Amino acid sequence: MTCNTCGGAVALGSDHAGFELKEIVKEHLSERGITPLDLGTDSTRSVDYPDYARKVCEAVLNGTAEKGILLCGTGLGMSMMANRYKGIRGALCHDHFTAVAARSHNDSNVLILGGRILGADLAREIVDTWLDTPFEGGRHERRVSKFDE
């Protein structure tokens, strides 16, 4: 099954520092009836986060996935890498409010989480909020369209 609210697959990617939380998020997506597209990493062995950010961003941009979720230690590195891609609107979220704003105002298509920052319960809440919050459009549409100019 695809994402209940976004209509497509959700790609997941993490480095070693985000691996454990990625596994929790992956299980949570499955419990929601969403089959995640896990693009790695597959352990806590040290890897380079840009490699996994690239895989997820490319999956979103080429239509393999409707949305993506990236995880690293703080979320900062993944955020910097993801937002280098034209068409990616990566949002580092750390609570309910930022997850709502990322979707409703910024039409975020990649959620970024810090594996060493967030607990499992909060991460699941952020994922649910981000997936379930629609883009409001309106005045935000004009602003979001300027991202890729």
Protein backbone atom coordinates (compact mmCIF):
# COMPACT_ATOMS: atom_id res chain seq x y z
CA MET A 1 0.00 0.00 0.00
CA THR A 2 1.08 3.56 -0.54
CA CYS A 3 0.85 6.58 1.73
CA ASN A 4 -2.76 6.97 2.90
CA THR A 5 -2.70 10.74 2.61
CA CYS A 6 -0.10 11.48 -0.03
CA GLY A 7 -1.07 8.88 -2.62
CA GLY A 8 2.40 7.41 -3.13
CA ALA A 9 5.27 5.55 -1.54
CA VAL A 10 7.32 7.04 1.28
CA ALA A 11 11.09 6.68 0.82
CA LEU A 12 13.24 6.35 3.94
CA GLY A 13 16.95 6.98 4.31
CA SER A 14 19.34 7.41 7.19
CA ASP A 15 22.95 7.38 8.15
CA HIS A 16 24.29 5.31 11.05
CA ALA A 17 23.19 7.86 13.67
CA GLY A 18 19.60 7.83 12.41
CA PHE A 19 19.41 4.09 11.72
CA GLU A 20 17.67 3.01 14.92
CA LEU A 21 14.99 5.71 14.67
CA LYS A 22 14.57 4.92 10.94
CA GLU A 23 13.73 1.35 11.86
CA ILE A 24 11.11 2.60 14.35
CA VAL A 25 9.63 4.96 11.73
CA LYS A 26 9.63 2.17 9.14
CA GLU A 27 7.70 -0.12 11.49
CA HIS A 28 5.28 2.70 12.31
CA LEU A 29 4.60 3.35 8.63
CA SER A 30 3.91 -0.34 8.13
CA GLU A 31 1.49 -0.30 11.06
CA ARG A 32 -0.35 2.53 9.29
CA GLY A 33 -0.66 0.36 6.19
CA ILE A 34 2.09 2.17 4.31
CA THR A 35 4.85 0.16 2.67
CA PRO A 36 8.01 2.23 3.09
CA LEU A 37 10.74 2.26 0.47
CA ASP A 38 13.85 1.73 2.63
CA LEU A 39 16.89 3.10 0.81
CA GLY A 40 19.34 2.43 3.64
CA THR A 41 21.51 2.37 5.59
CA ASP A 42 21.09 -1.09 7.05
CA SER A 43 23.13 -0.85 10.28
CA THR A 44 24.82 1.46 12.77
CA ARG A 45 28.12 1.07 10.88
CA SER A 46 29.48 4.51 9.96
CA VAL A 47 28.37 5.80 6.55
CA ASP A 48 28.16 9.18 4.82
CA TYR A 49 24.73 10.83 5.16
CA PRO A 50 24.86 12.65 1.78
CA ASP A 51 24.71 9.28 -0.01
CA TYR A 52 21.37 8.44 1.61
CA ALA A 53 19.93 11.92 1.27
CA ARG A 54 20.70 11.67 -2.45
CA LYS A 55 18.87 8.34 -2.79
CA VAL A 56 15.72 9.62 -1.08
CA CYS A 57 15.68 12.97 -2.88
CA GLU A 58 16.13 11.29 -6.25
CA ALA A 59 13.30 8.85 -5.45
CA VAL A 60 10.99 11.79 -4.68
CA LEU A 61 12.07 13.76 -7.74
CA ASN A 62 11.77 10.85 -10.18
CA GLY A 63 8.37 9.80 -8.83
CA THR A 64 9.42 6.51 -7.28
CA ALA A 65 8.20 7.98 -3.99
CA GLU A 66 5.65 10.70 -3.29
CA LYS A 67 7.43 11.82 -0.12
CA GLY A 68 10.62 11.06 1.77
CA ILE A 69 11.85 10.85 5.33
CA LEU A 70 15.53 11.35 6.17
CA LEU A 71 17.24 10.76 9.51
CA CYS A 72 20.71 11.49 10.82
CA GLY A 73 22.03 12.36 14.27
CA THR A 74 20.70 15.91 14.47
CA GLY A 75 18.86 16.18 11.16
CA LEU A 76 21.05 19.13 10.22
CA GLY A 77 23.31 17.37 7.73
CA MET A 78 20.42 15.65 5.98
CA SER A 79 18.56 18.96 5.88
CA MET A 80 21.46 20.78 4.26
CA MET A 81 21.95 18.04 1.69
CA ALA A 82 18.28 17.56 0.83
CA ASN A 83 17.64 21.22 0.21
CA ARG A 84 20.36 21.38 -2.42
CA TYR A 85 17.97 19.60 -4.78
CA LYS A 86 15.66 21.75 -6.88
CA GLY A 87 12.15 20.53 -6.17
CA ILE A 88 12.90 19.20 -2.70
CA ARG A 89 11.40 21.03 0.24
CA GLY A 90 13.08 19.34 3.18
CA ALA A 91 11.84 20.27 6.63
CA LEU A 92 13.72 19.50 9.83
CA CYS A 93 10.92 19.02 12.35
CA HIS A 94 11.28 18.59 16.08
CA ASP A 95 7.71 18.91 17.33
CA HIS A 96 4.04 18.90 16.34
CA PHE A 97 3.96 22.60 15.41
CA THR A 98 6.91 22.42 13.01
CA ALA A 99 5.44 19.32 11.34
CA VAL A 100 2.11 21.12 10.78
CA ALA A 101 3.79 24.26 9.43
CA ALA A 102 6.14 22.26 7.20
CA ARG A 103 3.19 20.73 5.38
CA SER A 104 0.45 23.36 5.61
CA HIS A 105 2.59 26.40 4.79
CA ASN A 106 5.67 25.01 3.01
CA ASP A 107 4.33 21.92 1.21
CA SER A 108 7.31 19.93 2.48
CA ASN A 109 7.94 16.75 0.52
CA VAL A 110 10.82 15.47 2.66
CA LEU A 111 10.64 15.21 6.44
CA ILE A 112 13.94 15.30 8.31
CA LEU A 113 14.39 13.97 11.83
CA GLY A 114 17.26 13.87 14.31
CA GLY A 115 17.87 10.35 15.56
CA ARG A 116 19.89 11.57 18.54
CA ILE A 117 17.41 14.34 19.31
CA LEU A 118 13.96 12.72 19.24
CA GLY A 119 12.44 9.89 21.20
CA ALA A 120 10.42 7.23 19.44
CA ASP A 121 7.00 8.47 20.58
CA LEU A 122 7.63 12.05 19.49
CA ALA A 123 9.08 10.88 16.17
CA ARG A 124 5.96 8.81 15.47
CA GLU A 125 3.75 11.81 16.32
CA ILE A 126 5.76 14.07 14.00
CA VAL A 127 5.57 11.52 11.16
CA ASP A 128 1.80 11.15 11.57
CA THR A 129 1.25 14.89 11.75
CA TRP A 130 3.45 15.52 8.71
CA LEU A 131 1.76 12.82 6.64
CA ASP A 132 -1.76 13.81 7.64
CA THR A 133 -1.48 17.59 7.25
CA PRO A 134 -2.46 18.91 3.80
CA PHE A 135 -0.89 21.88 2.07
CA GLU A 136 -3.13 24.94 2.48
CA GLY A 137 -2.22 26.53 -0.84
CA GLY A 138 -3.53 30.08 -1.17
CA ARG A 139 -0.99 32.71 -0.17
CA HIS A 140 1.49 29.91 0.59
CA GLU A 141 1.38 28.66 -3.01
CA ARG A 142 2.96 31.89 -4.26
CA ARG A 143 5.74 31.67 -1.67
CA VAL A 144 6.49 28.00 -2.24
CA SER A 145 6.69 28.57 -6.00
CA LYS A 146 9.60 30.96 -5.39
CA PHE A 147 11.74 28.20 -3.88
CA ASP A 148 12.81 26.85 -7.26
CA GLU A 149 13.02 30.10 -9.23
